[in-house]
Protein backbone atom coordinates (compact mmCIF):
# COMPACT_ATOMS: atom_id res chain seq x y z
CA MET A 1 -5.84 114.05 80.93
CA ILE A 2 -2.23 113.13 81.57
CA THR A 3 -1.34 109.46 81.20
CA ILE A 4 1.93 107.53 81.26
CA PHE A 5 1.82 107.54 77.46
CA ASN A 6 1.59 111.31 76.92
CA ARG A 7 3.63 112.68 79.83
CA ARG A 8 7.22 113.72 80.37
CA GLU A 9 9.07 114.17 83.64
CA LEU A 10 9.63 117.87 84.22
CA ILE A 11 11.59 117.76 87.45
CA VAL A 12 12.53 115.59 90.42
CA THR A 13 13.13 117.36 93.71
CA MET A 14 13.22 116.62 97.40
CA ASP A 15 12.48 120.24 98.31
CA MET A 16 8.84 120.72 99.34
CA LYS A 17 8.93 124.48 98.76
CA ARG A 18 10.45 124.10 95.30
CA GLN A 19 7.81 121.59 94.20
CA SER A 20 5.11 123.89 95.59
CA ASP A 21 6.54 126.89 93.71
CA ILE A 22 6.72 124.89 90.47
CA ARG A 23 3.14 123.67 90.88
CA ASN A 24 1.99 127.28 91.38
CA ILE A 25 3.85 128.41 88.24
CA LEU A 26 2.29 125.61 86.19
CA ALA A 27 -1.21 126.29 87.54
CA ASP A 28 -0.88 130.06 86.92
CA ASN A 29 0.03 129.28 83.30
CA HIS A 30 -2.76 126.72 82.83
CA ILE A 31 -0.39 123.78 82.35
CA ASP A 32 -1.76 120.47 83.60
CA TYR A 33 0.60 118.41 85.75
CA VAL A 34 0.78 115.28 87.86
CA VAL A 35 2.89 114.92 91.00
CA LYS A 36 4.17 111.56 92.16
CA THR A 37 5.38 111.59 95.77
CA THR A 38 7.60 108.89 97.22
CA ASN A 39 8.21 108.67 100.97
CA LEU A 40 11.87 107.73 101.30
CA GLN A 41 11.52 107.06 105.04
CA ARG A 42 9.01 104.28 104.55
CA ALA A 43 9.90 101.05 106.29
CA SER A 44 10.85 98.45 103.70
CA GLY A 45 9.54 95.47 105.64
CA VAL A 46 10.32 93.22 108.54
CA GLY A 47 13.71 93.92 110.07
CA SER A 48 14.23 97.28 108.41
CA GLY A 49 16.64 99.62 110.14
CA ARG A 50 13.98 102.25 110.63
CA SER A 51 11.79 99.85 112.59
CA TYR A 52 14.57 99.65 115.18
CA MET A 53 15.97 103.18 115.08
CA GLY A 54 13.05 105.37 114.05
CA SER A 55 14.19 108.45 112.18
CA VAL A 56 17.00 109.52 114.49
CA GLY A 57 19.60 111.59 112.65
CA ILE A 58 17.61 111.74 109.39
CA ASN A 59 16.93 115.17 107.91
CA GLN A 60 13.16 115.26 107.57
CA ASP A 61 13.40 118.03 104.94
CA TYR A 62 14.57 115.34 102.51
CA SER A 63 12.27 112.49 103.42
CA CYS A 64 10.07 112.77 100.29
CA GLU A 65 10.85 112.78 96.59
CA TYR A 66 8.54 114.73 94.28
CA LYS A 67 8.35 113.97 90.56
CA ILE A 68 6.36 116.44 88.49
CA PHE A 69 5.09 115.35 85.08
CA VAL A 70 3.53 117.45 82.31
CA ARG A 71 2.15 116.60 78.89
CA LYS A 72 4.89 116.04 76.32
CA ASN A 73 3.64 118.91 74.16
CA ASP A 74 3.67 121.29 77.20
CA TYR A 75 7.19 120.31 78.28
CA GLY A 76 9.11 123.07 76.48
CA LYS A 77 6.89 125.84 77.82
CA ALA A 78 6.88 124.35 81.34
CA GLU A 79 10.66 123.99 81.37
CA ALA A 80 11.15 127.60 80.27
CA LEU A 81 8.78 128.84 82.98
CA ILE A 82 10.53 127.09 85.86
CA ARG A 83 14.08 128.10 84.85
């Protein structure tokens, strides 16, 4: 089980295909991982610009941030595999 105490951030990307490829590499090599996804287009509250404008002119390919974490002791192997 991966917890905040035994994990290390492997990569941060905004590319959905890249995070998918990395997840496949980790799974194929039996390395446990956790993905934290942040929606960068989320309205931040009352009066946010997005609530008035929508997502006009915003590249939807970069609307999410993906952080992939692995166990600290798997980090070296995982890093070598994704390079």
